[in-house]
């Protein structure tokens, strides 16, 4: 994809934000960053075409089906420029190498090609989990059984606000298919995936009454 505008200019930034990545998601909602705002760093891609290509696959193949199944998605963190990520590394413990993950406009250094990751929460899922009406990993098993193009899932410990289940979900040209969780201590769930009938039992509790 080639875009003939300068995202560093106001008009270019306006055009960047209006790019549709899928039926209901636009680039603008993935550009907001508390780190960028607080430290006054512009959070715009260097390679717009690559960012849009990767972000479109994330939204079309993963976020839209999730939203169709469970209702509105809350994007907690999306795109991060290398400059924003550098500030996150220095001050907030972000991953040192986010190329092909939150930094959508550069391919991964691990040979996975281009990719895009977003940190999201889904209010319906959060409510079910916090009410203990569903297991906190039920959404992971639903994704595993219903979405073919996922590459990585990472679940975070309960936030200080305690009102949402947040997790990273990512797409890559060459999927990793890793599932990790920091809820209750670090766990590599990719090595202990339940059998199909147990996965179904868990996500059926999640979708009940939807």
N, C-alpha and C. Protein backbone atom coordinates (compact mmCIF):
# COMPACT_ATOMS: atom_id res chain seq x y z
N UNK A 1 0.84 -1.19 0.00
CA UNK A 1 0.00 0.00 0.00
C UNK A 1 0.88 1.24 0.00
N UNK A 2 0.48 2.24 -0.78
CA UNK A 2 1.23 3.48 -0.82
C UNK A 2 0.29 4.65 -0.55
N UNK A 3 0.68 5.51 0.35
CA UNK A 3 -0.12 6.69 0.69
C UNK A 3 0.72 7.93 0.45
N UNK A 4 0.22 8.83 -0.37
CA UNK A 4 0.99 10.01 -0.77
C UNK A 4 0.60 11.22 0.07
N UNK A 5 0.92 11.15 1.36
CA UNK A 5 0.75 12.30 2.23
C UNK A 5 1.76 12.19 3.36
N UNK A 6 2.01 13.29 4.01
CA UNK A 6 2.99 13.34 5.10
C UNK A 6 2.27 13.26 6.43
N UNK A 7 2.36 12.14 7.16
CA UNK A 7 1.63 12.03 8.43
C UNK A 7 2.16 12.97 9.51
N UNK A 8 3.31 13.62 9.25
CA UNK A 8 3.84 14.58 10.22
C UNK A 8 3.14 15.93 10.11
N UNK A 9 2.44 16.17 8.99
CA UNK A 9 1.69 17.42 8.83
C UNK A 9 0.30 17.26 9.41
N UNK A 10 -0.37 18.39 9.67
CA UNK A 10 -1.72 18.30 10.22
C UNK A 10 -2.66 17.62 9.24
N UNK A 11 -2.62 18.05 7.97
CA UNK A 11 -3.53 17.47 6.99
C UNK A 11 -3.24 15.98 6.80
N UNK A 12 -1.95 15.62 6.83
CA UNK A 12 -1.61 14.21 6.69
C UNK A 12 -2.06 13.39 7.88
N UNK A 13 -1.93 13.96 9.08
CA UNK A 13 -2.38 13.26 10.28
C UNK A 13 -3.89 13.08 10.27
N UNK A 14 -4.59 14.09 9.79
CA UNK A 14 -6.05 14.00 9.67
C UNK A 14 -6.43 12.88 8.71
N UNK A 15 -5.74 12.79 7.58
CA UNK A 15 -6.02 11.73 6.61
C UNK A 15 -5.66 10.36 7.17
N UNK A 16 -4.55 10.29 7.90
CA UNK A 16 -4.14 9.02 8.51
C UNK A 16 -5.22 8.49 9.44
N UNK A 17 -5.73 9.36 10.31
CA UNK A 17 -6.74 8.92 11.27
C UNK A 17 -8.02 8.45 10.64
N UNK A 18 -8.33 8.93 9.43
CA UNK A 18 -9.58 8.57 8.77
C UNK A 18 -9.49 7.27 7.97
N UNK A 19 -8.31 6.67 7.87
CA UNK A 19 -8.16 5.43 7.10
C UNK A 19 -8.93 4.31 7.79
N UNK A 20 -9.83 3.68 7.04
CA UNK A 20 -10.60 2.55 7.56
C UNK A 20 -9.75 1.29 7.50
N UNK A 21 -9.58 0.65 8.65
CA UNK A 21 -8.84 -0.61 8.70
C UNK A 21 -9.77 -1.80 8.52
N UNK A 22 -11.04 -1.60 8.80
CA UNK A 22 -12.04 -2.65 8.66
C UNK A 22 -13.41 -1.99 8.68
N UNK A 23 -14.46 -2.78 8.81
CA UNK A 23 -15.82 -2.27 8.77
C UNK A 23 -16.08 -1.20 9.83
N UNK A 24 -15.57 -1.41 11.04
CA UNK A 24 -15.88 -0.47 12.13
C UNK A 24 -14.66 0.16 12.78
N UNK A 25 -13.45 -0.25 12.41
CA UNK A 25 -12.25 0.30 13.04
C UNK A 25 -11.49 1.21 12.08
N UNK A 26 -11.05 2.36 12.60
CA UNK A 26 -10.24 3.31 11.84
C UNK A 26 -8.90 3.51 12.53
N UNK A 27 -7.95 4.00 11.78
CA UNK A 27 -6.59 4.15 12.30
C UNK A 27 -6.55 5.06 13.54
N UNK A 28 -7.41 6.07 13.57
CA UNK A 28 -7.35 7.06 14.64
C UNK A 28 -7.39 6.44 16.03
N UNK A 29 -8.27 5.45 16.24
CA UNK A 29 -8.42 4.93 17.60
C UNK A 29 -7.23 4.11 18.07
N UNK A 30 -6.33 3.76 17.16
CA UNK A 30 -5.14 3.01 17.54
C UNK A 30 -3.93 3.92 17.75
N UNK A 31 -4.06 5.21 17.47
CA UNK A 31 -2.92 6.13 17.58
C UNK A 31 -2.80 6.77 18.96
N UNK A 32 -3.88 6.74 19.74
CA UNK A 32 -3.81 7.39 21.05
C UNK A 32 -2.87 6.61 21.97
N UNK A 33 -2.04 7.33 22.70
CA UNK A 33 -1.10 6.73 23.64
C UNK A 33 -0.89 7.67 24.81
N UNK A 34 -1.13 7.19 26.03
CA UNK A 34 -0.86 8.01 27.21
C UNK A 34 0.61 8.40 27.28
N UNK A 35 1.50 7.48 26.90
CA UNK A 35 2.93 7.78 26.90
C UNK A 35 3.22 8.92 25.93
N UNK A 36 2.65 8.84 24.73
CA UNK A 36 2.88 9.88 23.73
C UNK A 36 2.36 11.23 24.21
N UNK A 37 1.18 11.23 24.80
CA UNK A 37 0.59 12.49 25.27
C UNK A 37 1.41 13.06 26.41
N UNK A 38 1.74 12.22 27.39
CA UNK A 38 2.43 12.71 28.58
C UNK A 38 3.83 13.25 28.26
N UNK A 39 4.56 12.53 27.39
CA UNK A 39 5.93 12.93 27.09
C UNK A 39 6.05 13.75 25.80
N UNK A 40 4.88 14.10 25.23
CA UNK A 40 4.82 14.99 24.06
C UNK A 40 5.62 14.42 22.88
N UNK A 41 5.29 13.16 22.53
CA UNK A 41 5.92 12.48 21.40
C UNK A 41 4.85 12.20 20.35
N UNK A 42 5.16 12.50 19.10
CA UNK A 42 4.20 12.21 18.03
C UNK A 42 4.16 10.71 17.79
N UNK A 43 2.95 10.16 17.82
CA UNK A 43 2.79 8.72 17.66
C UNK A 43 2.21 8.42 16.28
N UNK A 44 3.03 8.56 15.25
CA UNK A 44 2.59 8.31 13.88
C UNK A 44 3.60 7.40 13.19
N UNK A 45 3.12 6.53 12.29
CA UNK A 45 4.03 5.59 11.63
C UNK A 45 4.94 6.25 10.62
N UNK A 46 6.15 5.71 10.51
CA UNK A 46 7.08 6.12 9.45
C UNK A 46 6.66 5.52 8.12
N UNK A 47 6.27 4.25 8.14
CA UNK A 47 5.86 3.53 6.94
C UNK A 47 4.35 3.29 7.00
N UNK A 48 3.60 4.29 6.51
CA UNK A 48 2.14 4.25 6.66
C UNK A 48 1.55 3.02 5.99
N UNK A 49 2.00 2.71 4.79
CA UNK A 49 1.44 1.58 4.06
C UNK A 49 1.57 0.27 4.80
N UNK A 50 2.74 0.04 5.41
CA UNK A 50 2.96 -1.20 6.16
C UNK A 50 2.07 -1.23 7.40
N UNK A 51 1.97 -0.09 8.09
CA UNK A 51 1.13 -0.02 9.29
C UNK A 51 -0.33 -0.30 8.95
N UNK A 52 -0.80 0.27 7.86
CA UNK A 52 -2.20 0.07 7.46
C UNK A 52 -2.43 -1.38 7.03
N UNK A 53 -1.49 -1.95 6.30
CA UNK A 53 -1.63 -3.34 5.87
C UNK A 53 -1.72 -4.29 7.07
N UNK A 54 -0.80 -4.14 8.02
CA UNK A 54 -0.80 -5.01 9.19
C UNK A 54 -2.02 -4.74 10.07
N UNK A 55 -2.32 -3.46 10.29
CA UNK A 55 -3.47 -3.12 11.13
C UNK A 55 -4.78 -3.59 10.54
N UNK A 56 -4.89 -3.57 9.22
CA UNK A 56 -6.11 -4.04 8.56
C UNK A 56 -6.33 -5.53 8.79
N UNK A 57 -5.25 -6.31 8.73
CA UNK A 57 -5.38 -7.75 8.97
C UNK A 57 -5.78 -8.03 10.42
N UNK A 58 -5.19 -7.28 11.35
CA UNK A 58 -5.57 -7.42 12.76
C UNK A 58 -7.05 -7.14 12.95
N UNK A 59 -7.52 -6.05 12.38
CA UNK A 59 -8.91 -5.64 12.57
C UNK A 59 -9.89 -6.55 11.84
N UNK A 60 -9.60 -6.85 10.57
CA UNK A 60 -10.53 -7.63 9.77
C UNK A 60 -10.60 -9.09 10.23
N UNK A 61 -9.45 -9.67 10.55
CA UNK A 61 -9.41 -11.09 10.83
C UNK A 61 -9.65 -11.44 12.29
N UNK A 62 -9.39 -10.48 13.20
CA UNK A 62 -9.48 -10.79 14.62
C UNK A 62 -10.46 -9.89 15.38
N UNK A 63 -10.28 -8.58 15.29
CA UNK A 63 -11.10 -7.70 16.11
C UNK A 63 -12.56 -7.66 15.67
N UNK A 64 -12.82 -7.62 14.37
CA UNK A 64 -14.21 -7.60 13.91
C UNK A 64 -14.97 -8.86 14.32
N UNK A 65 -14.41 -10.07 14.12
CA UNK A 65 -15.14 -11.26 14.59
C UNK A 65 -15.36 -11.28 16.10
N UNK A 66 -14.37 -10.80 16.86
CA UNK A 66 -14.55 -10.72 18.31
C UNK A 66 -15.68 -9.76 18.67
N UNK A 67 -15.71 -8.63 18.00
CA UNK A 67 -16.74 -7.63 18.29
C UNK A 67 -18.11 -8.13 17.86
N UNK A 68 -18.18 -8.84 16.73
CA UNK A 68 -19.46 -9.41 16.30
C UNK A 68 -19.98 -10.41 17.32
N UNK A 69 -19.08 -11.16 17.94
CA UNK A 69 -19.49 -12.21 18.87
C UNK A 69 -19.79 -11.69 20.27
N UNK A 70 -19.04 -10.67 20.73
CA UNK A 70 -19.11 -10.30 22.15
C UNK A 70 -19.45 -8.83 22.40
N UNK A 71 -19.67 -8.07 21.36
CA UNK A 71 -20.00 -6.66 21.56
C UNK A 71 -18.77 -5.77 21.52
N UNK A 72 -19.00 -4.51 21.82
CA UNK A 72 -18.00 -3.47 21.63
C UNK A 72 -16.65 -3.81 22.26
N UNK A 73 -15.59 -3.55 21.49
CA UNK A 73 -14.22 -3.71 21.96
C UNK A 73 -13.69 -2.36 22.42
N UNK A 74 -13.00 -2.36 23.55
CA UNK A 74 -12.33 -1.17 24.06
C UNK A 74 -10.84 -1.31 23.75
N UNK A 75 -10.31 -0.43 22.89
CA UNK A 75 -8.89 -0.46 22.55
C UNK A 75 -8.11 0.27 23.63
N UNK A 76 -7.27 -0.46 24.36
CA UNK A 76 -6.47 0.14 25.43
C UNK A 76 -5.14 0.67 24.89
N UNK A 77 -4.55 -0.03 23.95
CA UNK A 77 -3.29 0.40 23.35
C UNK A 77 -3.18 -0.25 21.98
N UNK A 78 -2.80 0.55 20.99
CA UNK A 78 -2.68 0.01 19.65
C UNK A 78 -1.29 0.22 19.08
N UNK A 79 -1.21 1.16 18.14
CA UNK A 79 0.06 1.43 17.48
C UNK A 79 0.98 2.24 18.39
N UNK A 80 2.29 1.91 18.36
CA UNK A 80 3.31 2.71 19.04
C UNK A 80 4.48 2.92 18.08
N UNK A 81 4.83 4.16 17.85
CA UNK A 81 6.02 4.43 17.06
C UNK A 81 7.25 3.95 17.81
N UNK A 82 8.36 3.84 17.11
CA UNK A 82 9.60 3.45 17.79
C UNK A 82 9.97 4.45 18.88
N UNK A 83 9.69 5.72 18.65
CA UNK A 83 10.02 6.75 19.63
C UNK A 83 9.15 6.61 20.88
N UNK A 84 7.87 6.36 20.68
CA UNK A 84 6.98 6.15 21.82
C UNK A 84 7.37 4.89 22.57
N UNK A 85 7.68 3.84 21.83
CA UNK A 85 8.07 2.60 22.50
C UNK A 85 9.36 2.77 23.29
N UNK A 86 10.28 3.56 22.75
CA UNK A 86 11.54 3.81 23.45
C UNK A 86 11.26 4.49 24.80
N UNK A 87 10.37 5.45 24.80
CA UNK A 87 10.01 6.11 26.07
C UNK A 87 9.34 5.12 27.01
N UNK A 88 8.54 4.22 26.46
CA UNK A 88 7.90 3.21 27.29
C UNK A 88 8.90 2.25 27.90
N UNK A 89 9.94 1.91 27.15
CA UNK A 89 11.00 1.04 27.67
C UNK A 89 11.72 1.72 28.81
N UNK A 90 12.07 2.97 28.61
CA UNK A 90 12.87 3.70 29.59
C UNK A 90 12.10 4.01 30.86
N UNK A 91 10.79 4.19 30.74
CA UNK A 91 10.04 4.71 31.89
C UNK A 91 8.92 3.80 32.39
N UNK A 92 8.46 2.85 31.56
CA UNK A 92 7.26 2.10 31.94
C UNK A 92 7.34 0.60 31.65
N UNK A 93 8.50 0.08 31.36
CA UNK A 93 8.66 -1.36 31.22
C UNK A 93 8.07 -1.98 29.98
N UNK A 94 7.94 -1.21 28.89
CA UNK A 94 7.45 -1.78 27.64
C UNK A 94 8.49 -2.74 27.04
N UNK A 95 8.04 -3.59 26.13
CA UNK A 95 8.95 -4.53 25.47
C UNK A 95 9.99 -3.76 24.66
N UNK A 96 11.25 -4.17 24.78
CA UNK A 96 12.33 -3.46 24.10
C UNK A 96 12.17 -3.50 22.60
N UNK A 97 11.83 -4.67 22.04
CA UNK A 97 11.66 -4.83 20.60
C UNK A 97 10.18 -5.04 20.31
N UNK A 98 9.50 -4.00 19.85
CA UNK A 98 8.07 -4.10 19.54
C UNK A 98 7.80 -4.06 18.04
N UNK A 99 8.85 -4.09 17.22
CA UNK A 99 8.65 -4.09 15.77
C UNK A 99 7.80 -5.30 15.36
N UNK A 100 6.76 -5.03 14.60
CA UNK A 100 5.87 -6.10 14.18
C UNK A 100 4.86 -6.50 15.25
N UNK A 101 4.90 -5.83 16.38
CA UNK A 101 3.93 -6.05 17.45
C UNK A 101 3.14 -4.75 17.61
N UNK A 102 3.42 -3.95 18.65
CA UNK A 102 2.74 -2.66 18.74
C UNK A 102 3.28 -1.66 17.72
N UNK A 103 4.49 -1.85 17.27
CA UNK A 103 5.05 -0.98 16.22
C UNK A 103 4.76 -1.64 14.87
N UNK A 104 3.62 -1.27 14.30
CA UNK A 104 3.08 -1.98 13.14
C UNK A 104 3.86 -1.75 11.85
N UNK A 105 4.60 -0.67 11.76
CA UNK A 105 5.15 -0.27 10.47
C UNK A 105 6.55 -0.80 10.19
N UNK A 106 7.04 -1.70 11.03
CA UNK A 106 8.32 -2.37 10.79
C UNK A 106 8.14 -3.87 11.01
N UNK A 107 8.73 -4.71 10.18
CA UNK A 107 8.59 -6.16 10.36
C UNK A 107 9.31 -6.62 11.62
N UNK A 108 8.95 -7.78 12.10
CA UNK A 108 9.56 -8.33 13.30
C UNK A 108 11.04 -8.65 13.05
N UNK A 109 11.81 -8.61 14.10
CA UNK A 109 13.21 -9.00 13.99
C UNK A 109 13.38 -10.52 14.07
N UNK A 110 12.29 -11.22 14.40
CA UNK A 110 12.35 -12.67 14.58
C UNK A 110 11.96 -13.45 13.33
N UNK A 111 11.73 -12.73 12.22
CA UNK A 111 11.40 -13.42 10.98
C UNK A 111 9.94 -13.75 10.81
N UNK A 112 9.07 -13.13 11.60
CA UNK A 112 7.63 -13.39 11.48
C UNK A 112 6.96 -12.46 10.47
N UNK A 113 7.75 -11.63 9.80
CA UNK A 113 7.19 -10.71 8.83
C UNK A 113 6.53 -9.52 9.49
N UNK A 114 5.58 -8.91 8.79
CA UNK A 114 4.88 -7.78 9.38
C UNK A 114 3.82 -8.31 10.34
N UNK A 115 3.42 -7.45 11.25
CA UNK A 115 2.42 -7.84 12.23
C UNK A 115 1.84 -6.64 12.95
N UNK A 116 0.79 -6.88 13.69
CA UNK A 116 0.14 -5.81 14.46
C UNK A 116 -0.49 -6.42 15.71
N UNK A 117 -0.31 -5.73 16.82
CA UNK A 117 -0.86 -6.14 18.11
C UNK A 117 -1.65 -4.98 18.69
N UNK A 118 -2.74 -5.30 19.36
CA UNK A 118 -3.48 -4.29 20.13
C UNK A 118 -3.79 -4.87 21.49
N UNK A 119 -3.77 -4.01 22.50
CA UNK A 119 -4.23 -4.39 23.84
C UNK A 119 -5.69 -3.97 23.94
N UNK A 120 -6.56 -4.92 24.25
CA UNK A 120 -8.00 -4.64 24.25
C UNK A 120 -8.64 -5.17 25.52
N UNK A 121 -9.84 -4.69 25.77
CA UNK A 121 -10.74 -5.35 26.70
C UNK A 121 -12.11 -5.37 26.04
N UNK A 122 -12.92 -6.32 26.45
CA UNK A 122 -14.28 -6.45 25.93
C UNK A 122 -15.22 -6.38 27.13
N UNK A 123 -15.97 -5.30 27.28
CA UNK A 123 -16.78 -5.13 28.49
C UNK A 123 -17.64 -6.34 28.85
N UNK A 124 -18.26 -6.97 27.86
CA UNK A 124 -19.10 -8.13 28.15
C UNK A 124 -18.27 -9.25 28.78
N UNK A 125 -17.10 -9.51 28.21
CA UNK A 125 -16.23 -10.57 28.72
C UNK A 125 -15.72 -10.21 30.11
N UNK A 126 -15.28 -8.96 30.28
CA UNK A 126 -14.79 -8.53 31.59
C UNK A 126 -15.84 -8.73 32.68
N UNK A 127 -17.08 -8.36 32.36
CA UNK A 127 -18.15 -8.48 33.36
C UNK A 127 -18.37 -9.94 33.73
N UNK A 128 -18.40 -10.82 32.75
CA UNK A 128 -18.62 -12.25 33.02
C UNK A 128 -17.49 -12.82 33.89
N UNK A 129 -16.26 -12.43 33.59
CA UNK A 129 -15.11 -12.95 34.32
C UNK A 129 -15.10 -12.40 35.74
N UNK A 130 -15.33 -11.09 35.88
CA UNK A 130 -15.27 -10.48 37.21
C UNK A 130 -16.41 -10.95 38.12
N UNK A 131 -17.53 -11.35 37.51
CA UNK A 131 -18.63 -11.92 38.28
C UNK A 131 -18.43 -13.42 38.53
N UNK A 132 -17.32 -13.94 38.01
CA UNK A 132 -16.99 -15.37 38.13
C UNK A 132 -18.02 -16.26 37.47
N UNK A 133 -18.63 -15.73 36.40
CA UNK A 133 -19.55 -16.52 35.60
C UNK A 133 -18.84 -17.24 34.46
N UNK A 134 -17.55 -16.91 34.27
CA UNK A 134 -16.75 -17.55 33.24
C UNK A 134 -15.29 -17.52 33.67
N UNK A 135 -14.54 -18.51 33.22
CA UNK A 135 -13.11 -18.57 33.49
C UNK A 135 -12.39 -17.45 32.76
N UNK A 136 -11.32 -16.89 33.36
CA UNK A 136 -10.65 -15.76 32.73
C UNK A 136 -9.95 -16.15 31.43
N UNK A 137 -9.71 -17.43 31.19
CA UNK A 137 -9.07 -17.86 29.95
C UNK A 137 -10.08 -18.35 28.92
N UNK A 138 -11.37 -18.26 29.23
CA UNK A 138 -12.38 -18.76 28.30
C UNK A 138 -12.31 -18.04 26.95
N UNK A 139 -12.02 -16.74 26.98
CA UNK A 139 -11.94 -15.99 25.72
C UNK A 139 -10.76 -16.47 24.89
N UNK A 140 -9.68 -16.90 25.53
CA UNK A 140 -8.54 -17.45 24.80
C UNK A 140 -8.94 -18.71 24.06
N UNK A 141 -9.70 -19.58 24.73
CA UNK A 141 -10.10 -20.83 24.09
C UNK A 141 -11.12 -20.58 22.99
N UNK A 142 -11.98 -19.56 23.16
CA UNK A 142 -12.91 -19.20 22.08
C UNK A 142 -12.14 -18.75 20.85
N UNK A 143 -11.14 -17.90 21.05
CA UNK A 143 -10.32 -17.43 19.94
C UNK A 143 -9.62 -18.61 19.27
N UNK A 144 -9.05 -19.49 20.06
CA UNK A 144 -8.35 -20.66 19.53
C UNK A 144 -9.26 -21.51 18.66
N UNK A 145 -10.52 -21.66 19.07
CA UNK A 145 -11.44 -22.54 18.37
C UNK A 145 -12.23 -21.87 17.24
N UNK A 146 -12.22 -20.53 17.18
CA UNK A 146 -13.05 -19.85 16.20
C UNK A 146 -12.29 -18.96 15.22
N UNK A 147 -11.10 -18.51 15.56
CA UNK A 147 -10.36 -17.57 14.71
C UNK A 147 -9.06 -18.20 14.25
N UNK A 148 -8.91 -18.35 12.95
CA UNK A 148 -7.75 -19.08 12.42
C UNK A 148 -6.48 -18.24 12.39
N UNK A 149 -6.60 -16.92 12.33
CA UNK A 149 -5.44 -16.09 12.01
C UNK A 149 -4.77 -15.43 13.20
N UNK A 150 -5.08 -15.85 14.42
CA UNK A 150 -4.43 -15.24 15.58
C UNK A 150 -2.97 -15.69 15.65
N UNK A 151 -2.12 -14.82 16.16
CA UNK A 151 -0.70 -15.16 16.31
C UNK A 151 -0.27 -15.21 17.76
N UNK A 152 -0.73 -14.24 18.57
CA UNK A 152 -0.30 -14.21 19.97
C UNK A 152 -1.40 -13.64 20.84
N UNK A 153 -1.50 -14.19 22.04
CA UNK A 153 -2.41 -13.71 23.07
C UNK A 153 -1.61 -13.56 24.35
N UNK A 154 -1.80 -12.45 25.05
CA UNK A 154 -1.11 -12.22 26.31
C UNK A 154 -2.07 -11.53 27.28
N UNK A 155 -2.36 -12.20 28.38
CA UNK A 155 -3.31 -11.70 29.36
C UNK A 155 -2.58 -11.05 30.52
N UNK A 156 -3.10 -9.89 30.94
CA UNK A 156 -2.41 -9.10 31.96
C UNK A 156 -3.07 -9.25 33.33
N UNK A 157 -2.28 -9.04 34.36
CA UNK A 157 -2.78 -9.09 35.72
C UNK A 157 -3.89 -8.05 35.89
N UNK A 158 -4.75 -8.26 36.87
CA UNK A 158 -5.84 -7.33 37.13
C UNK A 158 -5.30 -5.92 37.31
N UNK A 159 -5.91 -4.97 36.61
CA UNK A 159 -5.45 -3.59 36.69
C UNK A 159 -5.76 -3.01 38.07
N UNK A 160 -5.08 -1.90 38.44
CA UNK A 160 -5.38 -1.26 39.73
C UNK A 160 -6.86 -0.87 39.85
N UNK A 161 -7.49 -0.64 38.69
CA UNK A 161 -8.91 -0.26 38.72
C UNK A 161 -9.79 -1.49 38.88
N UNK A 162 -9.28 -2.66 38.47
CA UNK A 162 -9.96 -3.92 38.71
C UNK A 162 -11.26 -4.13 37.97
N UNK A 163 -11.51 -3.35 36.91
CA UNK A 163 -12.81 -3.42 36.27
C UNK A 163 -12.77 -3.96 34.84
N UNK A 164 -11.65 -4.53 34.43
CA UNK A 164 -11.61 -5.08 33.08
C UNK A 164 -10.54 -6.15 32.95
N UNK A 165 -10.81 -7.10 32.07
CA UNK A 165 -9.84 -8.12 31.68
C UNK A 165 -9.16 -7.62 30.41
N UNK A 166 -7.88 -7.32 30.50
CA UNK A 166 -7.17 -6.78 29.35
C UNK A 166 -6.21 -7.82 28.79
N UNK A 167 -6.08 -7.81 27.47
CA UNK A 167 -5.15 -8.75 26.84
C UNK A 167 -4.69 -8.22 25.49
N UNK A 168 -3.47 -8.63 25.15
CA UNK A 168 -2.93 -8.37 23.83
C UNK A 168 -3.42 -9.44 22.87
N UNK A 169 -3.77 -9.03 21.66
CA UNK A 169 -4.08 -9.97 20.60
C UNK A 169 -3.35 -9.50 19.36
N UNK A 170 -2.71 -10.42 18.66
CA UNK A 170 -1.88 -10.02 17.54
C UNK A 170 -2.02 -10.90 16.32
N UNK A 171 -1.77 -10.29 15.17
CA UNK A 171 -1.71 -10.99 13.88
C UNK A 171 -0.30 -10.86 13.32
N UNK A 172 0.23 -11.92 12.70
CA UNK A 172 1.51 -11.88 12.00
C UNK A 172 1.41 -12.66 10.69
N UNK A 173 2.23 -12.25 9.73
CA UNK A 173 2.30 -13.00 8.48
C UNK A 173 2.58 -14.48 8.74
N UNK A 174 3.50 -14.75 9.64
CA UNK A 174 3.81 -16.12 10.04
C UNK A 174 3.50 -16.25 11.53
N UNK A 175 2.32 -16.77 11.84
CA UNK A 175 1.83 -16.74 13.22
C UNK A 175 2.73 -17.50 14.20
N UNK A 176 2.82 -16.97 15.42
CA UNK A 176 3.58 -17.62 16.49
C UNK A 176 2.72 -18.62 17.25
N UNK A 177 1.41 -18.27 17.43
CA UNK A 177 0.46 -19.06 18.19
C UNK A 177 0.98 -19.33 19.61
N UNK A 178 1.26 -18.23 20.30
CA UNK A 178 1.67 -18.28 21.71
C UNK A 178 0.56 -17.68 22.57
N UNK A 179 0.36 -18.29 23.74
CA UNK A 179 -0.62 -17.80 24.71
C UNK A 179 0.07 -17.71 26.06
N UNK A 180 0.14 -16.49 26.59
CA UNK A 180 0.78 -16.27 27.89
C UNK A 180 -0.15 -15.47 28.80
N UNK A 181 0.00 -15.67 30.08
CA UNK A 181 -0.82 -14.94 31.04
C UNK A 181 0.02 -14.52 32.23
N UNK A 182 -0.27 -13.32 32.74
CA UNK A 182 0.35 -12.80 33.96
C UNK A 182 -0.67 -12.76 35.09
N UNK A 183 -1.82 -13.33 34.90
CA UNK A 183 -2.85 -13.35 35.93
C UNK A 183 -2.54 -14.50 36.90
N UNK A 184 -2.23 -14.15 38.13
CA UNK A 184 -1.87 -15.17 39.11
C UNK A 184 -0.46 -15.70 38.93
N UNK A 185 0.40 -14.90 38.30
CA UNK A 185 1.77 -15.33 38.05
C UNK A 185 1.96 -15.71 36.60
N UNK A 186 3.21 -15.67 36.12
CA UNK A 186 3.47 -15.94 34.70
C UNK A 186 3.15 -17.39 34.34
N UNK A 187 2.41 -17.55 33.24
CA UNK A 187 2.05 -18.88 32.76
C UNK A 187 2.15 -18.92 31.24
N UNK A 188 2.78 -19.96 30.71
CA UNK A 188 2.83 -20.20 29.28
C UNK A 188 1.70 -21.18 28.96
N UNK A 189 0.56 -20.64 28.57
CA UNK A 189 -0.62 -21.47 28.36
C UNK A 189 -0.55 -22.24 27.05
N UNK A 190 0.36 -21.83 26.17
CA UNK A 190 0.51 -22.57 24.93
C UNK A 190 0.98 -23.99 25.14
N UNK A 191 1.59 -24.25 26.31
CA UNK A 191 2.09 -25.59 26.62
C UNK A 191 1.09 -26.41 27.43
N UNK A 192 -0.06 -25.81 27.77
CA UNK A 192 -1.06 -26.53 28.56
C UNK A 192 -2.47 -26.21 28.08
N UNK A 193 -2.67 -26.29 26.77
CA UNK A 193 -3.98 -26.01 26.20
C UNK A 193 -4.93 -27.15 26.54
N UNK A 194 -6.10 -26.86 27.09
CA UNK A 194 -7.05 -27.93 27.43
C UNK A 194 -7.52 -28.68 26.18
N UNK A 195 -8.03 -29.86 26.40
CA UNK A 195 -8.62 -30.64 25.32
C UNK A 195 -9.82 -29.89 24.75
N UNK A 196 -10.22 -30.25 23.54
CA UNK A 196 -11.28 -29.53 22.83
C UNK A 196 -12.59 -29.48 23.62
N UNK A 197 -12.97 -30.59 24.25
CA UNK A 197 -14.23 -30.59 24.98
C UNK A 197 -14.19 -29.69 26.21
N UNK A 198 -13.01 -29.61 26.87
CA UNK A 198 -12.87 -28.73 28.02
C UNK A 198 -12.84 -27.27 27.59
N UNK A 199 -12.16 -26.99 26.49
CA UNK A 199 -12.17 -25.61 25.96
C UNK A 199 -13.61 -25.19 25.67
N UNK A 200 -14.35 -26.04 25.02
CA UNK A 200 -15.74 -25.72 24.66
C UNK A 200 -16.59 -25.49 25.91
N UNK A 201 -16.38 -26.32 26.92
CA UNK A 201 -17.14 -26.13 28.17
C UNK A 201 -16.89 -24.75 28.75
N UNK A 202 -15.63 -24.30 28.71
CA UNK A 202 -15.28 -23.01 29.29
C UNK A 202 -15.85 -21.86 28.47
N UNK A 203 -15.71 -21.91 27.13
CA UNK A 203 -16.21 -20.76 26.38
C UNK A 203 -17.73 -20.78 26.22
N UNK A 204 -18.37 -21.93 26.39
CA UNK A 204 -19.83 -21.94 26.38
C UNK A 204 -20.38 -21.18 27.59
N UNK A 205 -19.70 -21.27 28.73
CA UNK A 205 -20.11 -20.49 29.89
C UNK A 205 -19.98 -19.00 29.60
N UNK A 206 -18.98 -18.65 28.79
CA UNK A 206 -18.79 -17.25 28.45
C UNK A 206 -19.87 -16.72 27.53
N UNK A 207 -20.27 -17.51 26.54
CA UNK A 207 -21.25 -17.03 25.55
C UNK A 207 -22.68 -17.22 26.01
N UNK A 208 -22.88 -17.92 27.12
CA UNK A 208 -24.24 -18.14 27.61
C UNK A 208 -24.93 -16.81 27.87
N UNK A 209 -26.19 -16.73 27.41
CA UNK A 209 -27.04 -15.54 27.57
C UNK A 209 -26.53 -14.35 26.77
N UNK A 210 -25.65 -14.56 25.80
CA UNK A 210 -25.16 -13.45 24.99
C UNK A 210 -26.24 -13.05 24.00
